[in-house]
Amino acid sequence: MKILYQIAIIFALCLLGEIISAILPFPFPPAISAMLLLLLALFSGVLKIDHIKEKSDFLLSNMAFFFIPAGVKVVEHFELIASIWWRFLIVVAASTIVVFIVTALTVSLALRLEERRR
């Protein structure tokens, strides 16, 4: 029963993310809306990590499964990607480097904030 409760919480957040994204006057990914809602719920204390821990651990351990639809779309649009492969490769490489840098800076900032807190 506990796992159904956790699934219901995650699905409710996803549904709210969909609703918020539909209401906004500009395009915004529903998944990002749902993650922001989850972040707000965790920070505000409305939701505790224990409320979703088992289900989120399951989803994280099976994350590779969620990349299958993206891989299928790449294969479906292979002709388009093949015609612009070098530009596509530059964008992928540049965005990967930017993500590495931003992640490193974020971890560094989080560590400094944690040291100050102590």
N, C-alpha and C. Protein backbone atom coordinates (compact mmCIF):
# COMPACT_ATOMS: atom_id res chain seq x y z
N MET A 1 0.82 -1.20 0.00
CA MET A 1 0.00 0.00 0.00
C MET A 1 0.86 1.26 0.00
N LYS A 2 2.01 1.17 0.68
CA LYS A 2 2.90 2.32 0.76
C LYS A 2 3.43 2.73 -0.62
N ILE A 3 3.74 1.73 -1.45
CA ILE A 3 4.26 2.03 -2.78
C ILE A 3 3.19 2.70 -3.64
N LEU A 4 1.92 2.31 -3.47
CA LEU A 4 0.85 2.97 -4.23
C LEU A 4 0.70 4.42 -3.80
N TYR A 5 0.88 4.68 -2.52
CA TYR A 5 0.83 6.05 -2.01
C TYR A 5 1.95 6.88 -2.63
N GLN A 6 3.14 6.30 -2.72
CA GLN A 6 4.27 7.02 -3.31
C GLN A 6 4.06 7.28 -4.80
N ILE A 7 3.53 6.29 -5.49
CA ILE A 7 3.23 6.47 -6.92
C ILE A 7 2.18 7.56 -7.10
N ALA A 8 1.19 7.58 -6.24
CA ALA A 8 0.13 8.59 -6.33
C ALA A 8 0.70 9.99 -6.13
N ILE A 9 1.63 10.14 -5.21
CA ILE A 9 2.25 11.45 -4.98
C ILE A 9 3.01 11.90 -6.23
N ILE A 10 3.81 11.00 -6.79
CA ILE A 10 4.60 11.36 -7.97
C ILE A 10 3.69 11.66 -9.16
N PHE A 11 2.66 10.85 -9.37
CA PHE A 11 1.73 11.12 -10.47
C PHE A 11 0.96 12.41 -10.26
N ALA A 12 0.60 12.71 -9.02
CA ALA A 12 -0.11 13.97 -8.73
C ALA A 12 0.78 15.16 -9.06
N LEU A 13 2.06 15.07 -8.71
CA LEU A 13 2.98 16.16 -9.05
C LEU A 13 3.14 16.29 -10.57
N CYS A 14 3.19 15.16 -11.26
CA CYS A 14 3.28 15.20 -12.73
C CYS A 14 2.03 15.82 -13.34
N LEU A 15 0.86 15.47 -12.81
CA LEU A 15 -0.39 16.04 -13.31
C LEU A 15 -0.43 17.55 -13.07
N LEU A 16 -0.03 17.97 -11.88
CA LEU A 16 0.02 19.41 -11.59
C LEU A 16 1.01 20.12 -12.50
N GLY A 17 2.12 19.47 -12.80
CA GLY A 17 3.09 20.04 -13.74
C GLY A 17 2.48 20.21 -15.13
N GLU A 18 1.71 19.22 -15.57
CA GLU A 18 1.01 19.32 -16.86
C GLU A 18 0.03 20.48 -16.86
N ILE A 19 -0.74 20.61 -15.79
CA ILE A 19 -1.74 21.68 -15.69
C ILE A 19 -1.07 23.05 -15.70
N ILE A 20 -0.02 23.19 -14.91
CA ILE A 20 0.69 24.48 -14.85
C ILE A 20 1.26 24.83 -16.21
N SER A 21 1.87 23.87 -16.89
CA SER A 21 2.45 24.13 -18.21
C SER A 21 1.38 24.48 -19.23
N ALA A 22 0.20 23.92 -19.10
CA ALA A 22 -0.90 24.24 -20.03
C ALA A 22 -1.44 25.63 -19.78
N ILE A 23 -1.40 26.07 -18.53
CA ILE A 23 -1.93 27.40 -18.18
C ILE A 23 -0.98 28.52 -18.57
N LEU A 24 0.31 28.25 -18.49
CA LEU A 24 1.31 29.30 -18.77
C LEU A 24 1.15 29.83 -20.20
N PRO A 25 1.36 31.14 -20.40
CA PRO A 25 1.19 31.72 -21.74
C PRO A 25 2.38 31.46 -22.67
N PHE A 26 3.36 30.73 -22.19
CA PHE A 26 4.53 30.41 -23.01
C PHE A 26 4.84 28.91 -22.84
N PRO A 27 5.50 28.31 -23.81
CA PRO A 27 5.78 26.88 -23.69
C PRO A 27 6.78 26.61 -22.56
N PHE A 28 6.44 25.67 -21.70
CA PHE A 28 7.31 25.29 -20.59
C PHE A 28 7.14 23.80 -20.36
N PRO A 29 8.23 23.05 -20.28
CA PRO A 29 8.12 21.59 -20.15
C PRO A 29 7.41 21.17 -18.86
N PRO A 30 6.39 20.35 -18.98
CA PRO A 30 5.65 19.89 -17.79
C PRO A 30 6.54 19.14 -16.79
N ALA A 31 7.53 18.41 -17.28
CA ALA A 31 8.42 17.68 -16.37
C ALA A 31 9.20 18.64 -15.48
N ILE A 32 9.60 19.77 -16.03
CA ILE A 32 10.33 20.77 -15.24
C ILE A 32 9.39 21.38 -14.21
N SER A 33 8.16 21.65 -14.61
CA SER A 33 7.17 22.17 -13.65
C SER A 33 6.97 21.19 -12.50
N ALA A 34 6.86 19.92 -12.82
CA ALA A 34 6.66 18.90 -11.79
C ALA A 34 7.87 18.82 -10.87
N MET A 35 9.07 18.90 -11.43
CA MET A 35 10.27 18.85 -10.59
C MET A 35 10.37 20.07 -9.68
N LEU A 36 9.98 21.23 -10.20
CA LEU A 36 9.98 22.44 -9.36
C LEU A 36 8.96 22.32 -8.24
N LEU A 37 7.80 21.74 -8.55
CA LEU A 37 6.79 21.50 -7.51
C LEU A 37 7.32 20.54 -6.45
N LEU A 38 7.99 19.50 -6.89
CA LEU A 38 8.58 18.55 -5.94
C LEU A 38 9.62 19.24 -5.07
N LEU A 39 10.45 20.06 -5.67
CA LEU A 39 11.46 20.80 -4.92
C LEU A 39 10.82 21.71 -3.89
N LEU A 40 9.79 22.44 -4.29
CA LEU A 40 9.08 23.32 -3.36
C LEU A 40 8.43 22.53 -2.22
N ALA A 41 7.82 21.40 -2.57
CA ALA A 41 7.17 20.58 -1.55
C ALA A 41 8.19 20.02 -0.55
N LEU A 42 9.36 19.63 -1.04
CA LEU A 42 10.40 19.12 -0.14
C LEU A 42 10.98 20.22 0.74
N PHE A 43 11.27 21.37 0.14
CA PHE A 43 11.84 22.48 0.91
C PHE A 43 10.86 23.05 1.93
N SER A 44 9.59 23.08 1.58
CA SER A 44 8.60 23.64 2.50
C SER A 44 8.24 22.68 3.63
N GLY A 45 8.58 21.42 3.46
CA GLY A 45 8.26 20.43 4.49
C GLY A 45 6.91 19.78 4.30
N VAL A 46 6.17 20.18 3.27
CA VAL A 46 4.88 19.56 2.97
C VAL A 46 5.08 18.09 2.64
N LEU A 47 6.18 17.80 2.00
CA LEU A 47 6.51 16.44 1.59
C LEU A 47 7.87 16.08 2.18
N LYS A 48 7.95 14.92 2.77
CA LYS A 48 9.20 14.41 3.32
C LYS A 48 9.81 13.41 2.35
N ILE A 49 11.11 13.26 2.41
CA ILE A 49 11.79 12.32 1.52
C ILE A 49 11.26 10.91 1.73
N ASP A 50 10.93 10.57 2.96
CA ASP A 50 10.41 9.22 3.24
C ASP A 50 9.09 8.93 2.52
N HIS A 51 8.36 10.00 2.18
CA HIS A 51 7.08 9.81 1.48
C HIS A 51 7.25 9.26 0.07
N ILE A 52 8.43 9.49 -0.54
CA ILE A 52 8.63 9.06 -1.93
C ILE A 52 9.93 8.28 -2.13
N LYS A 53 10.62 7.95 -1.07
CA LYS A 53 11.95 7.35 -1.17
C LYS A 53 11.99 6.04 -1.95
N GLU A 54 11.15 5.09 -1.62
CA GLU A 54 11.20 3.78 -2.28
C GLU A 54 10.91 3.88 -3.78
N LYS A 55 9.89 4.64 -4.12
CA LYS A 55 9.53 4.77 -5.54
C LYS A 55 10.59 5.56 -6.30
N SER A 56 11.12 6.61 -5.71
CA SER A 56 12.15 7.39 -6.40
C SER A 56 13.43 6.58 -6.55
N ASP A 57 13.78 5.75 -5.57
CA ASP A 57 14.94 4.87 -5.70
C ASP A 57 14.74 3.88 -6.86
N PHE A 58 13.53 3.36 -6.96
CA PHE A 58 13.22 2.44 -8.07
C PHE A 58 13.36 3.14 -9.41
N LEU A 59 12.81 4.35 -9.52
CA LEU A 59 12.89 5.08 -10.78
C LEU A 59 14.33 5.44 -11.13
N LEU A 60 15.12 5.83 -10.15
CA LEU A 60 16.52 6.16 -10.40
C LEU A 60 17.32 4.93 -10.81
N SER A 61 17.05 3.80 -10.21
CA SER A 61 17.81 2.59 -10.56
C SER A 61 17.43 2.06 -11.94
N ASN A 62 16.29 2.44 -12.46
CA ASN A 62 15.84 2.02 -13.79
C ASN A 62 15.78 3.17 -14.78
N MET A 63 16.62 4.16 -14.57
CA MET A 63 16.57 5.37 -15.40
C MET A 63 16.87 5.10 -16.87
N ALA A 64 17.71 4.13 -17.16
CA ALA A 64 18.06 3.84 -18.55
C ALA A 64 16.83 3.50 -19.38
N PHE A 65 15.84 2.91 -18.76
CA PHE A 65 14.59 2.57 -19.45
C PHE A 65 13.92 3.80 -20.05
N PHE A 66 14.07 4.95 -19.40
CA PHE A 66 13.40 6.16 -19.86
C PHE A 66 14.09 6.82 -21.05
N PHE A 67 15.27 6.35 -21.42
CA PHE A 67 15.97 6.89 -22.58
C PHE A 67 15.60 6.16 -23.87
N ILE A 68 14.86 5.08 -23.76
CA ILE A 68 14.46 4.32 -24.95
C ILE A 68 13.63 5.16 -25.92
N PRO A 69 12.60 5.92 -25.47
CA PRO A 69 11.84 6.73 -26.44
C PRO A 69 12.71 7.77 -27.15
N ALA A 70 13.65 8.38 -26.45
CA ALA A 70 14.53 9.36 -27.09
C ALA A 70 15.41 8.68 -28.14
N GLY A 71 15.90 7.50 -27.82
CA GLY A 71 16.71 6.76 -28.79
C GLY A 71 15.92 6.36 -30.02
N VAL A 72 14.68 5.98 -29.83
CA VAL A 72 13.82 5.62 -30.96
C VAL A 72 13.60 6.85 -31.86
N LYS A 73 13.39 8.01 -31.25
CA LYS A 73 13.17 9.23 -32.05
C LYS A 73 14.43 9.59 -32.85
N VAL A 74 15.59 9.37 -32.27
CA VAL A 74 16.83 9.64 -33.00
C VAL A 74 16.92 8.73 -34.21
N VAL A 75 16.58 7.46 -34.04
CA VAL A 75 16.61 6.52 -35.16
C VAL A 75 15.57 6.90 -36.20
N GLU A 76 14.38 7.33 -35.77
CA GLU A 76 13.32 7.73 -36.71
C GLU A 76 13.75 8.92 -37.55
N HIS A 77 14.51 9.83 -36.98
CA HIS A 77 14.92 11.05 -37.68
C HIS A 77 16.39 11.00 -38.09
N PHE A 78 16.90 9.80 -38.32
CA PHE A 78 18.31 9.64 -38.65
C PHE A 78 18.69 10.37 -39.92
N GLU A 79 17.83 10.38 -40.94
CA GLU A 79 18.14 11.06 -42.21
C GLU A 79 18.36 12.56 -41.98
N LEU A 80 17.51 13.16 -41.17
CA LEU A 80 17.66 14.58 -40.86
C LEU A 80 18.95 14.84 -40.10
N ILE A 81 19.22 14.01 -39.12
CA ILE A 81 20.44 14.18 -38.33
C ILE A 81 21.67 13.92 -39.18
N ALA A 82 21.61 12.96 -40.08
CA ALA A 82 22.75 12.65 -40.95
C ALA A 82 23.10 13.82 -41.85
N SER A 83 22.10 14.60 -42.25
CA SER A 83 22.37 15.74 -43.13
C SER A 83 23.01 16.91 -42.40
N ILE A 84 22.89 16.94 -41.09
CA ILE A 84 23.48 18.04 -40.29
C ILE A 84 24.35 17.49 -39.17
N TRP A 85 24.96 16.32 -39.37
CA TRP A 85 25.65 15.63 -38.29
C TRP A 85 26.74 16.45 -37.64
N TRP A 86 27.50 17.22 -38.43
CA TRP A 86 28.61 17.97 -37.82
C TRP A 86 28.10 19.10 -36.93
N ARG A 87 27.00 19.76 -37.31
CA ARG A 87 26.41 20.80 -36.45
C ARG A 87 25.80 20.16 -35.20
N PHE A 88 25.17 19.04 -35.40
CA PHE A 88 24.58 18.29 -34.29
C PHE A 88 25.66 17.87 -33.29
N LEU A 89 26.79 17.39 -33.79
CA LEU A 89 27.90 16.97 -32.95
C LEU A 89 28.48 18.14 -32.17
N ILE A 90 28.60 19.31 -32.80
CA ILE A 90 29.12 20.50 -32.12
C ILE A 90 28.18 20.90 -30.98
N VAL A 91 26.88 20.90 -31.24
CA VAL A 91 25.91 21.27 -30.21
C VAL A 91 25.96 20.28 -29.05
N VAL A 92 26.02 19.00 -29.34
CA VAL A 92 26.08 17.98 -28.29
C VAL A 92 27.35 18.14 -27.47
N ALA A 93 28.49 18.33 -28.12
CA ALA A 93 29.75 18.48 -27.40
C ALA A 93 29.75 19.75 -26.55
N ALA A 94 29.30 20.86 -27.12
CA ALA A 94 29.28 22.13 -26.38
C ALA A 94 28.34 22.06 -25.19
N SER A 95 27.15 21.49 -25.39
CA SER A 95 26.21 21.42 -24.28
C SER A 95 26.71 20.47 -23.19
N THR A 96 27.42 19.42 -23.58
CA THR A 96 27.99 18.50 -22.57
C THR A 96 29.04 19.22 -21.74
N ILE A 97 29.88 20.00 -22.37
CA ILE A 97 30.91 20.76 -21.65
C ILE A 97 30.26 21.77 -20.72
N VAL A 98 29.24 22.46 -21.20
CA VAL A 98 28.53 23.45 -20.36
C VAL A 98 27.90 22.76 -19.16
N VAL A 99 27.29 21.61 -19.35
CA VAL A 99 26.68 20.87 -18.24
C VAL A 99 27.74 20.45 -17.23
N PHE A 100 28.90 19.98 -17.70
CA PHE A 100 29.98 19.62 -16.78
C PHE A 100 30.42 20.81 -15.95
N ILE A 101 30.60 21.95 -16.60
CA ILE A 101 31.07 23.15 -15.90
C ILE A 101 30.03 23.63 -14.88
N VAL A 102 28.78 23.70 -15.30
CA VAL A 102 27.73 24.16 -14.39
C VAL A 102 27.57 23.20 -13.21
N THR A 103 27.67 21.91 -13.47
CA THR A 103 27.59 20.92 -12.39
C THR A 103 28.74 21.09 -11.41
N ALA A 104 29.95 21.27 -11.92
CA ALA A 104 31.11 21.46 -11.05
C ALA A 104 30.96 22.72 -10.21
N LEU A 105 30.51 23.80 -10.82
CA LEU A 105 30.32 25.05 -10.07
C LEU A 105 29.23 24.91 -9.02
N THR A 106 28.17 24.20 -9.36
CA THR A 106 27.08 23.99 -8.41
C THR A 106 27.54 23.16 -7.22
N VAL A 107 28.28 22.10 -7.47
CA VAL A 107 28.79 21.27 -6.38
C VAL A 107 29.75 22.07 -5.51
N SER A 108 30.60 22.85 -6.15
CA SER A 108 31.54 23.69 -5.40
C SER A 108 30.81 24.69 -4.52
N LEU A 109 29.79 25.33 -5.06
CA LEU A 109 29.00 26.28 -4.29
C LEU A 109 28.28 25.59 -3.14
N ALA A 110 27.71 24.42 -3.40
CA ALA A 110 27.01 23.68 -2.35
C ALA A 110 27.95 23.28 -1.23
N LEU A 111 29.16 22.86 -1.58
CA LEU A 111 30.14 22.50 -0.56
C LEU A 111 30.55 23.71 0.28
N ARG A 112 30.75 24.86 -0.38
CA ARG A 112 31.09 26.08 0.37
C ARG A 112 29.96 26.51 1.30
N LEU A 113 28.74 26.43 0.81
CA LEU A 113 27.59 26.77 1.65
C LEU A 113 27.47 25.82 2.84
N GLU A 114 27.74 24.55 2.60
CA GLU A 114 27.67 23.58 3.69
C GLU A 114 28.77 23.85 4.73
N GLU A 115 29.97 24.22 4.27
CA GLU A 115 31.05 24.54 5.21
C GLU A 115 30.70 25.76 6.05
N ARG A 116 30.13 26.78 5.43
CA ARG A 116 29.72 27.98 6.17
C ARG A 116 28.64 27.66 7.21
N ARG A 117 27.77 26.76 6.85
CA ARG A 117 26.67 26.38 7.72
C ARG A 117 27.18 25.72 9.01
N ARG A 118 28.28 24.96 8.88
CA ARG A 118 28.86 24.28 10.02
C ARG A 118 29.61 25.30 10.83
